[in-house]
Every structure is written in C-alpha cells, then in structure tokens.
C-alpha cells in the first residue's frame, strides 16, 4: 500500500508492505507492531486526557514515518531519520500520525474472506 501525504507543505510518499517490520527491526532493533500499538494508545490517551506526547512516542513516530518513507523511495531518502527530518520546517505530529496509522491499518487488514461451513 502506498499513500502520499503532506508534511510541512511537501508531498511525501509512504509505503507499507510486509517488508516494513523487517526493515524497521534491522534499522532500529525494535518491533514496529509493538511501537505502533504504543503510539495508538498514546494518541487515544491524548484525546481523552490532553497533554503532550512523551519523548519516546515522538521518537517512535519519527522512526515509523522514516521507514515508510524510505521504503517508498530508497534512493531519494537520506540514510538517517535526522537527515530526513532536516528537510522539513516544524510540523504537527497530530496531523501526520493519523495518516501513518491509517496506512498501517489498511496494510494489516485481511484481504481474504473466511469460508463458512
């Protein structure tokens, strides 16, 4: 699955496939499924309680976004999340994160219909 979103006025292409968990694990030595689950919990809590995202959630967001962007354009994206983030002005994570979570959920949906007996 691919999706183009806007970050800081720039079109950014994201790609989510079965390769993303492996790429994420190789690059960051973390489990993307656990990190995305944690991000979803933080977002839900923020909606109900308010407050800011903890720094570790912000880092998870940056890493997930970076892997999906790098997967979509391996040659055009820098080798580190820091270099990639330097391309942007300050932007709201709350506008970008839901787009990333939606793409991930669409990628994870089962495409087959269960057979009933």
PDB file of N, CA and C in Angstrom:
ATOM      1  N   UNK A   1       0.835  -1.172   0.000  1.00  0.00           N
ATOM      2  CA  UNK A   1       0.000   0.000   0.000  1.00  0.00           C
ATOM      3  C   UNK A   1       0.877   1.231   0.000  1.00  0.00           C
ATOM      4  N   UNK A   2       0.461   2.195  -0.770  1.00  0.00           N
ATOM      5  CA  UNK A   2       1.170   3.462  -0.820  1.00  0.00           C
ATOM      6  C   UNK A   2       0.192   4.604  -0.614  1.00  0.00           C
ATOM      7  N   UNK A   3       0.719   5.694  -0.088  1.00  0.00           N
ATOM      8  CA  UNK A   3      -0.104   6.864   0.186  1.00  0.00           C
ATOM      9  C   UNK A   3       0.809   8.082   0.148  1.00  0.00           C
ATOM     10  N   UNK A   4       0.318   9.175  -0.403  1.00  0.00           N
ATOM     11  CA  UNK A   4       1.063  10.426  -0.394  1.00  0.00           C
ATOM     12  C   UNK A   4       0.381  11.376   0.573  1.00  0.00           C
ATOM     13  N   UNK A   5       1.177  11.912   1.498  1.00  0.00           N
ATOM     14  CA  UNK A   5       0.660  12.867   2.470  1.00  0.00           C
ATOM     15  C   UNK A   5       1.464  14.159   2.356  1.00  0.00           C
ATOM     16  N   UNK A   6       1.014  15.196   3.021  1.00  0.00           N
ATOM     17  CA  UNK A   6       1.728  16.465   3.019  1.00  0.00           C
ATOM     18  C   UNK A   6       2.310  16.710   4.403  1.00  0.00           C
ATOM     19  N   UNK A   7       3.624  16.948   4.421  1.00  0.00           N
ATOM     20  CA  UNK A   7       4.319  17.295   5.654  1.00  0.00           C
ATOM     21  C   UNK A   7       5.014  18.624   5.399  1.00  0.00           C
ATOM     22  N   UNK A   8       4.668  19.617   6.182  1.00  0.00           N
ATOM     23  CA  UNK A   8       5.317  20.921   6.088  1.00  0.00           C
ATOM     24  C   UNK A   8       5.275  21.456   4.657  1.00  0.00           C
ATOM     25  N   UNK A   9       4.132  21.245   3.986  1.00  0.00           N
ATOM     26  CA  UNK A   9       3.942  21.751   2.631  1.00  0.00           C
ATOM     27  C   UNK A   9       4.585  20.916   1.539  1.00  0.00           C
ATOM     28  N   UNK A  10       5.204  19.798   1.885  1.00  0.00           N
ATOM     29  CA  UNK A  10       5.856  18.937   0.901  1.00  0.00           C
ATOM     30  C   UNK A  10       5.109  17.617   0.763  1.00  0.00           C
ATOM     31  N   UNK A  11       4.951  17.156  -0.472  1.00  0.00           N
ATOM     32  CA  UNK A  11       4.341  15.850  -0.715  1.00  0.00           C
ATOM     33  C   UNK A  11       5.340  14.765  -0.328  1.00  0.00           C
ATOM     34  N   UNK A  12       4.879  13.833   0.483  1.00  0.00           N
ATOM     35  CA  UNK A  12       5.730  12.748   0.971  1.00  0.00           C
ATOM     36  C   UNK A  12       5.011  11.430   0.712  1.00  0.00           C
ATOM     37  N   UNK A  13       5.709  10.534   0.030  1.00  0.00           N
ATOM     38  CA  UNK A  13       5.134   9.230  -0.297  1.00  0.00           C
ATOM     39  C   UNK A  13       5.524   8.222   0.784  1.00  0.00           C
ATOM     40  N   UNK A  14       4.525   7.472   1.272  1.00  0.00           N
ATOM     41  CA  UNK A  14       4.716   6.424   2.276  1.00  0.00           C
ATOM     42  C   UNK A  14       4.365   5.081   1.656  1.00  0.00           C
ATOM     43  N   UNK A  15       5.042   4.050   2.110  1.00  0.00           N
ATOM     44  CA  UNK A  15       4.741   2.710   1.619  1.00  0.00           C
ATOM     45  C   UNK A  15       4.741   1.745   2.797  1.00  0.00           C
ATOM     46  N   UNK A  16       3.678   0.947   2.891  1.00  0.00           N
ATOM     47  CA  UNK A  16       3.566  -0.059   3.940  1.00  0.00           C
ATOM     48  C   UNK A  16       3.321  -1.412   3.276  1.00  0.00           C
ATOM     49  N   UNK A  17       4.277  -2.315   3.459  1.00  0.00           N
ATOM     50  CA  UNK A  17       4.154  -3.671   2.939  1.00  0.00           C
ATOM     51  C   UNK A  17       4.630  -4.647   4.016  1.00  0.00           C
ATOM     52  N   UNK A  18       4.657  -5.909   3.678  1.00  0.00           N
ATOM     53  CA  UNK A  18       5.133  -6.921   4.613  1.00  0.00           C
ATOM     54  C   UNK A  18       6.613  -6.749   4.943  1.00  0.00           C
ATOM     55  N   UNK A  19       7.347  -6.003   4.129  1.00  0.00           N
ATOM     56  CA  UNK A  19       8.774  -5.775   4.369  1.00  0.00           C
ATOM     57  C   UNK A  19       9.030  -4.748   5.476  1.00  0.00           C
ATOM     58  N   UNK A  20       8.070  -3.902   5.766  1.00  0.00           N
ATOM     59  CA  UNK A  20       8.276  -2.814   6.726  1.00  0.00           C
ATOM     60  C   UNK A  20       8.697  -3.318   8.112  1.00  0.00           C
ATOM     61  N   UNK A  21       8.053  -4.323   8.699  1.00  0.00           N
ATOM     62  CA  UNK A  21       8.509  -4.777  10.014  1.00  0.00           C
ATOM     63  C   UNK A  21       9.974  -5.236  10.022  1.00  0.00           C
ATOM     64  N   UNK A  22      10.384  -5.891   8.954  1.00  0.00           N
ATOM     65  CA  UNK A  22      11.782  -6.342   8.864  1.00  0.00           C
ATOM     66  C   UNK A  22      12.734  -5.158   8.727  1.00  0.00           C
ATOM     67  N   UNK A  23      12.399  -4.222   7.856  1.00  0.00           N
ATOM     68  CA  UNK A  23      13.241  -3.030   7.675  1.00  0.00           C
ATOM     69  C   UNK A  23      13.369  -2.258   8.983  1.00  0.00           C
ATOM     70  N   UNK A  24      12.263  -2.122   9.683  1.00  0.00           N
ATOM     71  CA  UNK A  24      12.237  -1.406  10.956  1.00  0.00           C
ATOM     72  C   UNK A  24      13.114  -2.116  11.993  1.00  0.00           C
ATOM     73  N   UNK A  25      12.972  -3.428  12.063  1.00  0.00           N
ATOM     74  CA  UNK A  25      13.746  -4.217  13.027  1.00  0.00           C
ATOM     75  C   UNK A  25      15.250  -4.132  12.722  1.00  0.00           C
ATOM     76  N   UNK A  26      15.613  -4.181  11.448  1.00  0.00           N
ATOM     77  CA  UNK A  26      17.023  -4.101  11.067  1.00  0.00           C
ATOM     78  C   UNK A  26      17.591  -2.716  11.394  1.00  0.00           C
ATOM     79  N   UNK A  27      16.837  -1.675  11.079  1.00  0.00           N
ATOM     80  CA  UNK A  27      17.330  -0.299  11.263  1.00  0.00           C
ATOM     81  C   UNK A  27      17.336   0.127  12.731  1.00  0.00           C
ATOM     82  N   UNK A  28      16.265  -0.168  13.466  1.00  0.00           N
ATOM     83  CA  UNK A  28      16.109   0.374  14.816  1.00  0.00           C
ATOM     84  C   UNK A  28      16.178  -0.673  15.931  1.00  0.00           C
ATOM     85  N   UNK A  29      16.239  -1.953  15.556  1.00  0.00           N
ATOM     86  CA  UNK A  29      16.278  -3.048  16.541  1.00  0.00           C
ATOM     87  C   UNK A  29      15.078  -3.001  17.489  1.00  0.00           C
ATOM     88  N   UNK A  30      13.935  -2.702  16.914  1.00  0.00           N
ATOM     89  CA  UNK A  30      12.683  -2.633  17.676  1.00  0.00           C
ATOM     90  C   UNK A  30      11.593  -3.303  16.854  1.00  0.00           C
ATOM     91  N   UNK A  31      10.487  -3.616  17.494  1.00  0.00           N
ATOM     92  CA  UNK A  31       9.340  -4.238  16.839  1.00  0.00           C
ATOM     93  C   UNK A  31       8.339  -3.149  16.459  1.00  0.00           C
ATOM     94  N   UNK A  32       8.096  -2.975  15.174  1.00  0.00           N
ATOM     95  CA  UNK A  32       7.205  -1.912  14.710  1.00  0.00           C
ATOM     96  C   UNK A  32       5.770  -2.142  15.179  1.00  0.00           C
ATOM     97  N   UNK A  33       5.359  -3.379  15.289  1.00  0.00           N
ATOM     98  CA  UNK A  33       3.983  -3.654  15.709  1.00  0.00           C
ATOM     99  C   UNK A  33       3.778  -3.190  17.149  1.00  0.00           C
ATOM    100  N   UNK A  34       4.731  -3.485  18.012  1.00  0.00           N
ATOM    101  CA  UNK A  34       4.635  -3.005  19.396  1.00  0.00           C
ATOM    102  C   UNK A  34       4.692  -1.478  19.453  1.00  0.00           C
ATOM    103  N   UNK A  35       5.550  -0.868  18.636  1.00  0.00           N
ATOM    104  CA  UNK A  35       5.671   0.584  18.650  1.00  0.00           C
ATOM    105  C   UNK A  35       4.407   1.262  18.126  1.00  0.00           C
ATOM    106  N   UNK A  36       3.826   0.734  17.069  1.00  0.00           N
ATOM    107  CA  UNK A  36       2.591   1.328  16.544  1.00  0.00           C
ATOM    108  C   UNK A  36       1.453   1.154  17.536  1.00  0.00           C
ATOM    109  N   UNK A  37       1.384  -0.002  18.190  1.00  0.00           N
ATOM    110  CA  UNK A  37       0.365  -0.213  19.221  1.00  0.00           C
ATOM    111  C   UNK A  37       0.527   0.803  20.344  1.00  0.00           C
ATOM    112  N   UNK A  38       1.761   1.036  20.763  1.00  0.00           N
ATOM    113  CA  UNK A  38       2.027   2.029  21.812  1.00  0.00           C
ATOM    114  C   UNK A  38       1.639   3.434  21.341  1.00  0.00           C
ATOM    115  N   UNK A  39       1.934   3.766  20.093  1.00  0.00           N
ATOM    116  CA  UNK A  39       1.552   5.075  19.548  1.00  0.00           C
ATOM    117  C   UNK A  39       0.035   5.250  19.538  1.00  0.00           C
ATOM    118  N   UNK A  40      -0.677   4.207  19.141  1.00  0.00           N
ATOM    119  CA  UNK A  40      -2.138   4.281  19.123  1.00  0.00           C
ATOM    120  C   UNK A  40      -2.684   4.538  20.528  1.00  0.00           C
ATOM    121  N   UNK A  41      -2.113   3.869  21.531  1.00  0.00           N
ATOM    122  CA  UNK A  41      -2.551   4.076  22.915  1.00  0.00           C
ATOM    123  C   UNK A  41      -2.289   5.506  23.366  1.00  0.00           C
ATOM    124  N   UNK A  42      -1.128   6.044  23.013  1.00  0.00           N
ATOM    125  CA  UNK A  42      -0.782   7.415  23.396  1.00  0.00           C
ATOM    126  C   UNK A  42      -1.738   8.413  22.749  1.00  0.00           C
ATOM    127  N   UNK A  43      -2.064   8.180  21.490  1.00  0.00           N
ATOM    128  CA  UNK A  43      -2.980   9.079  20.781  1.00  0.00           C
ATOM    129  C   UNK A  43      -4.366   9.031  21.418  1.00  0.00           C
ATOM    130  N   UNK A  44      -4.852   7.836  21.745  1.00  0.00           N
ATOM    131  CA  UNK A  44      -6.166   7.712  22.393  1.00  0.00           C
ATOM    132  C   UNK A  44      -6.164   8.411  23.749  1.00  0.00           C
ATOM    133  N   UNK A  45      -5.087   8.222  24.504  1.00  0.00           N
ATOM    134  CA  UNK A  45      -4.990   8.867  25.815  1.00  0.00           C
ATOM    135  C   UNK A  45      -4.941  10.385  25.675  1.00  0.00           C
ATOM    136  N   UNK A  46      -4.227  10.864  24.685  1.00  0.00           N
ATOM    137  CA  UNK A  46      -4.146  12.311  24.459  1.00  0.00           C
ATOM    138  C   UNK A  46      -5.524  12.879  24.158  1.00  0.00           C
ATOM    139  N   UNK A  47      -6.316  12.154  23.370  1.00  0.00           N
ATOM    140  CA  UNK A  47      -7.665  12.621  23.020  1.00  0.00           C
ATOM    141  C   UNK A  47      -8.544  12.734  24.256  1.00  0.00           C
ATOM    142  N   UNK A  48      -8.394  11.805  25.190  1.00  0.00           N
ATOM    143  CA  UNK A  48      -9.249  11.823  26.380  1.00  0.00           C
ATOM    144  C   UNK A  48      -8.698  12.697  27.503  1.00  0.00           C
ATOM    145  N   UNK A  49      -7.386  12.644  27.721  1.00  0.00           N
ATOM    146  CA  UNK A  49      -6.786  13.353  28.851  1.00  0.00           C
ATOM    147  C   UNK A  49      -6.085  14.656  28.484  1.00  0.00           C
ATOM    148  N   UNK A  50      -5.759  14.836  27.192  1.00  0.00           N
ATOM    149  CA  UNK A  50      -4.972  16.003  26.799  1.00  0.00           C
ATOM    150  C   UNK A  50      -3.505  15.768  27.090  1.00  0.00           C
ATOM    151  N   UNK A  51      -2.740  16.827  27.133  1.00  0.00           N
ATOM    152  CA  UNK A  51      -1.311  16.708  27.415  1.00  0.00           C
ATOM    153  C   UNK A  51      -0.497  16.518  26.157  1.00  0.00           C
ATOM    154  N   UNK A  52       0.791  16.351  26.353  1.00  0.00           N
ATOM    155  CA  UNK A  52       1.720  16.193  25.242  1.00  0.00           C
ATOM    156  C   UNK A  52       2.154  14.742  25.101  1.00  0.00           C
ATOM    157  N   UNK A  53       2.720  14.439  23.930  1.00  0.00           N
ATOM    158  CA  UNK A  53       3.283  13.116  23.712  1.00  0.00           C
ATOM    159  C   UNK A  53       4.584  12.988  24.481  1.00  0.00           C
ATOM    160  N   UNK A  54       4.830  11.846  25.095  1.00  0.00           N
ATOM    161  CA  UNK A  54       6.126  11.637  25.743  1.00  0.00           C
ATOM    162  C   UNK A  54       7.230  11.556  24.678  1.00  0.00           C
ATOM    163  N   UNK A  55       8.457  11.907  25.021  1.00  0.00           N
ATOM    164  CA  UNK A  55       9.553  11.898  24.048  1.00  0.00           C
ATOM    165  C   UNK A  55       9.751  10.558  23.344  1.00  0.00           C
ATOM    166  N   UNK A  56       9.556   9.458  24.065  1.00  0.00           N
ATOM    167  CA  UNK A  56       9.744   8.150  23.424  1.00  0.00           C
ATOM    168  C   UNK A  56       8.689   7.900  22.345  1.00  0.00           C
ATOM    169  N   UNK A  57       7.485   8.423  22.514  1.00  0.00           N
ATOM    170  CA  UNK A  57       6.444   8.285  21.496  1.00  0.00           C
ATOM    171  C   UNK A  57       6.798   9.118  20.264  1.00  0.00           C
ATOM    172  N   UNK A  58       7.356  10.275  20.479  1.00  0.00           N
ATOM    173  CA  UNK A  58       7.772  11.125  19.368  1.00  0.00           C
ATOM    174  C   UNK A  58       8.865  10.427  18.556  1.00  0.00           C
ATOM    175  N   UNK A  59       9.804   9.806  19.241  1.00  0.00           N
ATOM    176  CA  UNK A  59      10.873   9.081  18.541  1.00  0.00           C
ATOM    177  C   UNK A  59      10.315   7.894  17.757  1.00  0.00           C
ATOM    178  N   UNK A  60       9.355   7.176  18.347  1.00  0.00           N
ATOM    179  CA  UNK A  60       8.728   6.057  17.634  1.00  0.00           C
ATOM    180  C   UNK A  60       8.035   6.558  16.374  1.00  0.00           C
ATOM    181  N   UNK A  61       7.304   7.674  16.493  1.00  0.00           N
ATOM    182  CA  UNK A  61       6.626   8.259  15.336  1.00  0.00           C
ATOM    183  C   UNK A  61       7.636   8.588  14.236  1.00  0.00           C
ATOM    184  N   UNK A  62       8.713   9.252  14.605  1.00  0.00           N
ATOM    185  CA  UNK A  62       9.728   9.641  13.621  1.00  0.00           C
ATOM    186  C   UNK A  62      10.322   8.419  12.929  1.00  0.00           C
ATOM    187  N   UNK A  63      10.592   7.372  13.693  1.00  0.00           N
ATOM    188  CA  UNK A  63      11.176   6.158  13.132  1.00  0.00           C
ATOM    189  C   UNK A  63      10.212   5.429  12.203  1.00  0.00           C
ATOM    190  N   UNK A  64       8.952   5.314  12.604  1.00  0.00           N
ATOM    191  CA  UNK A  64       7.946   4.648  11.769  1.00  0.00           C
ATOM    192  C   UNK A  64       7.757   5.428  10.469  1.00  0.00           C
ATOM    193  N   UNK A  65       7.607   6.744  10.582  1.00  0.00           N
ATOM    194  CA  UNK A  65       7.434   7.570   9.388  1.00  0.00           C
ATOM    195  C   UNK A  65       8.636   7.433   8.464  1.00  0.00           C
ATOM    196  N   UNK A  66       9.821   7.513   9.029  1.00  0.00           N
ATOM    197  CA  UNK A  66      11.043   7.421   8.234  1.00  0.00           C
ATOM    198  C   UNK A  66      11.121   6.096   7.466  1.00  0.00           C
ATOM    199  N   UNK A  67      10.853   4.976   8.136  1.00  0.00           N
ATOM    200  CA  UNK A  67      10.936   3.670   7.467  1.00  0.00           C
ATOM    201  C   UNK A  67       9.928   3.580   6.325  1.00  0.00           C
ATOM    202  N   UNK A  68       8.713   4.075   6.540  1.00  0.00           N
ATOM    203  CA  UNK A  68       7.700   4.015   5.479  1.00  0.00           C
ATOM    204  C   UNK A  68       8.069   4.915   4.300  1.00  0.00           C
ATOM    205  N   UNK A  69       8.663   6.055   4.573  1.00  0.00           N
ATOM    206  CA  UNK A  69       9.089   6.964   3.508  1.00  0.00           C
ATOM    207  C   UNK A  69      10.290   6.375   2.767  1.00  0.00           C
ATOM    208  N   UNK A  70      11.235   5.855   3.505  1.00  0.00           N
ATOM    209  CA  UNK A  70      12.434   5.263   2.887  1.00  0.00           C
ATOM    210  C   UNK A  70      12.059   4.032   2.074  1.00  0.00           C
ATOM    211  N   UNK A  71      11.078   3.274   2.528  1.00  0.00           N
ATOM    212  CA  UNK A  71      10.611   2.099   1.785  1.00  0.00           C
ATOM    213  C   UNK A  71       9.975   2.518   0.461  1.00  0.00           C
ATOM    214  N   UNK A  72       9.307   3.653   0.462  1.00  0.00           N
ATOM    215  CA  UNK A  72       8.672   4.148  -0.764  1.00  0.00           C
ATOM    216  C   UNK A  72       9.692   4.696  -1.758  1.00  0.00           C
ATOM    217  N   UNK A  73      10.816   5.237  -1.255  1.00  0.00           N
ATOM    218  CA  UNK A  73      11.822   5.851  -2.131  1.00  0.00           C
ATOM    219  C   UNK A  73      13.221   5.619  -1.559  1.00  0.00           C
ATOM    220  N   UNK A  74      13.755   4.399  -1.669  1.00  0.00           N
ATOM    221  CA  UNK A  74      15.037   4.076  -1.040  1.00  0.00           C
ATOM    222  C   UNK A  74      16.206   4.941  -1.530  1.00  0.00           C
ATOM    223  N   UNK A  75      16.185   5.341  -2.778  1.00  0.00           N
ATOM    224  CA  UNK A  75      17.290   6.125  -3.332  1.00  0.00           C
ATOM    225  C   UNK A  75      17.171   7.614  -3.016  1.00  0.00           C
ATOM    226  N   UNK A  76      15.962   8.106  -2.813  1.00  0.00           N
ATOM    227  CA  UNK A  76      15.752   9.537  -2.637  1.00  0.00           C
ATOM    228  C   UNK A  76      15.675  10.017  -1.203  1.00  0.00           C
ATOM    229  N   UNK A  77      15.728   9.084  -0.249  1.00  0.00           N
ATOM    230  CA  UNK A  77      15.596   9.440   1.165  1.00  0.00           C
ATOM    231  C   UNK A  77      16.942   9.234   1.850  1.00  0.00           C
ATOM    232  N   UNK A  78      17.383  10.197   2.662  1.00  0.00           N
ATOM    233  CA  UNK A  78      18.674  10.071   3.349  1.00  0.00           C
ATOM    234  C   UNK A  78      18.759   8.812   4.215  1.00  0.00           C
ATOM    235  N   UNK A  79      19.971   8.497   4.653  1.00  0.00           N
ATOM    236  CA  UNK A  79      20.224   7.268   5.402  1.00  0.00           C
ATOM    237  C   UNK A  79      19.814   7.308   6.865  1.00  0.00           C
ATOM    238  N   UNK A  80      19.503   8.488   7.394  1.00  0.00           N
ATOM    239  CA  UNK A  80      19.113   8.571   8.802  1.00  0.00           C
ATOM    240  C   UNK A  80      17.829   9.381   8.947  1.00  0.00           C
ATOM    241  N   UNK A  81      17.054   9.099   9.998  1.00  0.00           N
ATOM    242  CA  UNK A  81      15.847   9.894  10.244  1.00  0.00           C
ATOM    243  C   UNK A  81      16.178  11.369  10.476  1.00  0.00           C
ATOM    244  N   UNK A  82      17.315  11.642  11.102  1.00  0.00           N
ATOM    245  CA  UNK A  82      17.692  13.030  11.381  1.00  0.00           C
ATOM    246  C   UNK A  82      17.888  13.825  10.091  1.00  0.00           C
ATOM    247  N   UNK A  83      18.588  13.211   9.126  1.00  0.00           N
ATOM    248  CA  UNK A  83      18.795  13.882   7.833  1.00  0.00           C
ATOM    249  C   UNK A  83      17.467  14.097   7.117  1.00  0.00           C
ATOM    250  N   UNK A  84      16.595  13.106   7.205  1.00  0.00           N
ATOM    251  CA  UNK A  84      15.292  13.220   6.550  1.00  0.00           C
ATOM    252  C   UNK A  84      14.465  14.324   7.202  1.00  0.00           C
ATOM    253  N   UNK A  85      14.434  14.368   8.529  1.00  0.00           N
ATOM    254  CA  UNK A  85      13.651  15.380   9.241  1.00  0.00           C
ATOM    255  C   UNK A  85      14.169  16.794   8.994  1.00  0.00           C
ATOM    256  N   UNK A  86      15.450  16.936   8.708  1.00  0.00           N
ATOM    257  CA  UNK A  86      16.030  18.252   8.416  1.00  0.00           C
ATOM    258  C   UNK A  86      15.423  18.901   7.178  1.00  0.00           C
ATOM    259  N   UNK A  87      14.763  18.135   6.341  1.00  0.00           N
ATOM    260  CA  UNK A  87      14.141  18.673   5.129  1.00  0.00           C
ATOM    261  C   UNK A  87      12.884  19.493   5.419  1.00  0.00           C
ATOM    262  N   UNK A  88      12.361  19.393   6.631  1.00  0.00           N
ATOM    263  CA  UNK A  88      11.070  19.993   6.956  1.00  0.00           C
ATOM    264  C   UNK A  88      11.195  21.126   7.959  1.00  0.00           C
ATOM    265  N   UNK A  89      10.219  22.039   7.885  1.00  0.00           N
ATOM    266  CA  UNK A  89      10.018  23.000   8.961  1.00  0.00           C
ATOM    267  C   UNK A  89       9.292  22.249  10.076  1.00  0.00           C
ATOM    268  N   UNK A  90       9.075  22.900  11.181  1.00  0.00           N
ATOM    269  CA  UNK A  90       8.321  22.282  12.263  1.00  0.00           C
ATOM    270  C   UNK A  90       6.917  21.948  11.764  1.00  0.00           C
ATOM    271  N   UNK A  91       6.428  20.759  12.115  1.00  0.00           N
ATOM    272  CA  UNK A  91       5.082  20.353  11.700  1.00  0.00           C
ATOM    273  C   UNK A  91       4.392  19.652  12.860  1.00  0.00           C
ATOM    274  N   UNK A  92       3.082  19.542  12.745  1.00  0.00           N
ATOM    275  CA  UNK A  92       2.291  18.925  13.808  1.00  0.00           C
ATOM    276  C   UNK A  92       2.237  17.412  13.627  1.00  0.00           C
ATOM    277  N   UNK A  93       2.731  16.720  14.611  1.00  0.00           N
ATOM    278  CA  UNK A  93       2.671  15.265  14.614  1.00  0.00           C
ATOM    279  C   UNK A  93       1.214  14.799  14.598  1.00  0.00           C
ATOM    280  N   UNK A  94       0.326  15.595  15.173  1.00  0.00           N
ATOM    281  CA  UNK A  94      -1.078  15.214  15.288  1.00  0.00           C
ATOM    282  C   UNK A  94      -1.801  15.239  13.950  1.00  0.00           C
ATOM    283  N   UNK A  95      -1.216  15.880  12.940  1.00  0.00           N
ATOM    284  CA  UNK A  95      -1.791  15.851  11.597  1.00  0.00           C
ATOM    285  C   UNK A  95      -1.223  14.696  10.775  1.00  0.00           C
ATOM    286  N   UNK A  96       0.026  14.333  11.036  1.00  0.00           N
ATOM    287  CA  UNK A  96       0.707  13.310  10.248  1.00  0.00           C
ATOM    288  C   UNK A  96       0.485  11.902  10.808  1.00  0.00           C
ATOM    289  N   UNK A  97       0.547  11.758  12.110  1.00  0.00           N
ATOM    290  CA  UNK A  97       0.435  10.437  12.730  1.00  0.00           C
ATOM    291  C   UNK A  97      -0.850   9.696  12.356  1.00  0.00           C
ATOM    292  N   UNK A  98      -2.013  10.341  12.372  1.00  0.00           N
ATOM    293  CA  UNK A  98      -3.221   9.590  11.970  1.00  0.00           C
ATOM    294  C   UNK A  98      -3.141   9.040  10.545  1.00  0.00           C
ATOM    295  N   UNK A  99      -2.487   9.763   9.651  1.00  0.00           N
ATOM    296  CA  UNK A  99      -2.318   9.289   8.269  1.00  0.00           C
ATOM    297  C   UNK A  99      -1.456   8.028   8.237  1.00  0.00           C
ATOM    298  N   UNK A 100      -0.397   8.020   9.024  1.00  0.00           N
ATOM    299  CA  UNK A 100       0.502   6.862   9.081  1.00  0.00           C
ATOM    300  C   UNK A 100      -0.211   5.667   9.708  1.00  0.00           C
ATOM    301  N   UNK A 101      -0.925   5.905  10.793  1.00  0.00           N
ATOM    302  CA  UNK A 101      -1.658   4.818  11.449  1.00  0.00           C
ATOM    303  C   UNK A 101      -2.727   4.244  10.529  1.00  0.00           C
ATOM    304  N   UNK A 102      -3.392   5.101   9.777  1.00  0.00           N
ATOM    305  CA  UNK A 102      -4.412   4.632   8.836  1.00  0.00           C
ATOM    306  C   UNK A 102      -3.789   3.757   7.753  1.00  0.00           C
ATOM    307  N   UNK A 103      -2.670   4.186   7.198  1.00  0.00           N
ATOM    308  CA  UNK A 103      -1.987   3.398   6.176  1.00  0.00           C
ATOM    309  C   UNK A 103      -1.573   2.035   6.732  1.00  0.00           C
ATOM    310  N   UNK A 104      -1.044   2.032   7.953  1.00  0.00           N
ATOM    311  CA  UNK A 104      -0.631   0.773   8.567  1.00  0.00           C
ATOM    312  C   UNK A 104      -1.831  -0.150   8.771  1.00  0.00           C
ATOM    313  N   UNK A 105      -2.948   0.393   9.240  1.00  0.00           N
ATOM    314  CA  UNK A 105      -4.148  -0.424   9.454  1.00  0.00           C
ATOM    315  C   UNK A 105      -4.655  -1.006   8.134  1.00  0.00           C
ATOM    316  N   UNK A 106      -4.648  -0.208   7.080  1.00  0.00           N
ATOM    317  CA  UNK A 106      -5.073  -0.710   5.772  1.00  0.00           C
ATOM    318  C   UNK A 106      -4.157  -1.838   5.303  1.00  0.00           C
ATOM    319  N   UNK A 107      -2.880  -1.700   5.564  1.00  0.00           N
ATOM    320  CA  UNK A 107      -1.920  -2.724   5.188  1.00  0.00           C
ATOM    321  C   UNK A 107      -2.148  -4.021   5.971  1.00  0.00           C
ATOM    322  N   UNK A 108      -2.560  -3.905   7.213  1.00  0.00           N
ATOM    323  CA  UNK A 108      -2.730  -5.070   8.078  1.00  0.00           C
ATOM    324  C   UNK A 108      -4.067  -5.790   7.886  1.00  0.00           C
ATOM    325  N   UNK A 109      -5.019  -5.153   7.217  1.00  0.00           N
ATOM    326  CA  UNK A 109      -6.334  -5.780   7.030  1.00  0.00           C
ATOM    327  C   UNK A 109      -6.196  -7.079   6.252  1.00  0.00           C
ATOM    328  N   UNK A 110      -6.989  -8.029   6.605  1.00  0.00           N
ATOM    329  CA  UNK A 110      -7.018  -9.290   5.875  1.00  0.00           C
ATOM    330  C   UNK A 110      -7.824  -9.092   4.604  1.00  0.00           C
ATOM    331  N   UNK A 111      -7.257  -9.510   3.507  1.00  0.00           N
ATOM    332  CA  UNK A 111      -7.913  -9.343   2.205  1.00  0.00           C
ATOM    333  C   UNK A 111      -8.813 -10.519   1.839  1.00  0.00           C
ATOM    334  N   UNK A 112      -8.666 -11.645   2.511  1.00  0.00           N
ATOM    335  CA  UNK A 112      -9.474 -12.811   2.158  1.00  0.00           C
ATOM    336  C   UNK A 112     -10.709 -12.891   3.039  1.00  0.00           C
ATOM    337  N   UNK A 113     -11.729 -13.537   2.520  1.00  0.00           N
ATOM    338  CA  UNK A 113     -12.968 -13.729   3.256  1.00  0.00           C
ATOM    339  C   UNK A 113     -12.967 -15.134   3.849  1.00  0.00           C
ATOM    340  N   UNK A 114     -13.243 -15.241   5.136  1.00  0.00           N
ATOM    341  CA  UNK A 114     -13.254 -16.593   5.731  1.00  0.00           C
ATOM    342  C   UNK A 114     -14.374 -17.435   5.121  1.00  0.00           C
ATOM    343  N   UNK A 115     -14.082 -18.722   4.939  1.00  0.00           N
ATOM    344  CA  UNK A 115     -15.075 -19.636   4.386  1.00  0.00           C
ATOM    345  C   UNK A 115     -15.859 -20.249   5.531  1.00  0.00           C
ATOM    346  N   UNK A 116     -17.175 -20.194   5.421  1.00  0.00           N
ATOM    347  CA  UNK A 116     -18.039 -20.793   6.430  1.00  0.00           C
ATOM    348  C   UNK A 116     -18.504 -22.146   5.932  1.00  0.00           C
ATOM    349  N   UNK A 117     -18.654 -23.036   6.883  1.00  0.00           N
ATOM    350  CA  UNK A 117     -19.163 -24.369   6.525  1.00  0.00           C
ATOM    351  C   UNK A 117     -20.625 -24.462   6.838  1.00  0.00           C
TER     352      UNK A 117
END
